[in-house]
Protein backbone atom coordinates (compact mmCIF):
# COMPACT_ATOMS: atom_id res chain seq x y z
CA MET A 1 27.17 50.47 64.40
CA ALA A 2 25.02 47.76 65.93
CA THR A 3 21.27 47.94 65.46
CA LYS A 4 18.24 46.59 67.33
CA THR A 5 14.79 45.78 65.99
CA ILE A 6 11.83 47.04 68.01
CA SER A 7 8.06 46.72 67.64
CA ILE A 8 5.85 49.77 68.08
CA THR A 9 2.15 50.41 67.62
CA GLU A 10 0.75 52.14 64.53
CA GLU A 11 -0.02 55.18 66.68
CA ALA A 12 3.57 55.35 67.96
CA TYR A 13 4.86 54.97 64.39
CA LYS A 14 2.68 57.86 63.18
CA ILE A 15 3.93 60.07 66.03
CA LEU A 16 7.53 59.15 65.29
CA ALA A 17 7.06 59.77 61.57
CA SER A 18 5.45 63.16 62.27
CA LEU A 19 8.62 64.27 64.07
CA ARG A 20 10.73 63.98 60.92
CA ASN A 21 12.33 67.32 60.10
CA ARG A 22 13.74 66.21 56.80
CA GLU A 23 12.82 63.39 54.46
CA ARG A 24 16.01 61.37 54.88
CA GLU A 25 16.15 61.65 58.68
CA SER A 26 16.25 58.20 60.25
CA PHE A 27 14.07 57.13 63.14
CA SER A 28 17.27 56.59 65.14
CA GLU A 29 18.15 60.25 64.60
CA ILE A 30 14.65 61.34 65.63
CA ILE A 31 14.76 59.26 68.82
CA THR A 32 18.27 60.43 69.71
CA ASP A 33 17.45 64.10 69.02
CA ASN A 34 14.21 64.02 71.02
CA LEU A 35 15.04 61.64 73.84
CA GLY A 36 18.83 61.84 74.05
CA SER A 37 20.88 63.67 76.63
CA LYS A 38 19.92 67.15 75.46
CA ASN A 39 18.46 69.32 78.21
CA LYS A 40 14.79 70.03 77.74
CA LEU A 41 13.28 73.27 78.97
CA LYS A 42 10.97 71.43 81.36
CA GLU A 43 14.01 69.79 82.97
CA LEU A 44 15.37 73.25 83.78
CA HIS A 45 12.14 74.47 85.40
CA GLY A 46 12.72 75.37 89.03
CA ILE A 47 16.51 75.19 88.86
CA LEU A 48 16.80 78.86 89.91
CA SER A 49 15.14 80.50 92.87
CA LYS A 50 12.62 83.22 92.06
CA GLU A 51 15.11 85.87 93.16
CA ALA A 52 17.93 84.41 91.05
CA GLY A 53 15.60 84.18 88.04
CA GLU A 54 14.53 87.80 88.43
CA SER A 55 18.15 88.91 88.79
CA LEU A 56 19.13 86.95 85.69
CA GLU A 57 16.25 88.44 83.72
CA LYS A 58 17.21 91.97 84.85
CA ASN A 59 20.83 91.41 83.79
CA ILE A 60 19.80 90.04 80.40
CA ILE A 61 17.57 93.05 79.76
CA GLU A 62 20.38 95.42 80.77
CA MET A 63 22.92 93.64 78.55
CA ARG A 64 20.51 93.83 75.61
CA LYS A 65 20.18 97.59 76.17
CA VAL A 66 23.96 97.98 76.24
CA HIS A 67 24.29 95.87 73.10
CA ARG A 68 21.70 97.97 71.25
CA ILE A 69 23.50 101.19 72.23
CA MET A 70 26.83 99.79 71.05
CA GLN A 71 25.29 98.66 67.75
CA LYS A 72 23.78 102.12 67.18
CA LYS A 73 27.17 103.75 67.83
CA LYS A 74 28.89 101.38 65.41
CA THR A 75 26.24 102.03 62.77
CA ARG A 76 26.57 105.79 63.15
CA LYS A 77 30.36 105.54 62.87
CA ILE A 78 30.16 103.45 59.71
CA LEU A 79 27.59 105.80 58.14
CA LYS A 80 29.75 108.80 59.01
CA GLU A 81 32.78 107.18 57.37
CA LEU A 82 30.75 106.49 54.24
CA GLU A 83 29.73 110.13 53.82
């Protein structure tokens, strides 16, 4: 893979170094992970109308309730089988 040499200030270097998640992570990986094509939350702000956002939130809450009920039923069934 081709490489390029860049010059950055001490302050920029310290910021870049502070973003390291693991000791052997390269600066190229840090830059790609933080500035690459991944969607950032702030880029998604305003993508839904208020009504669509509220509807989505309502559906998520309802699906979580259904999931919890299903998990409780499964747990009860497994406990009953273990008796």
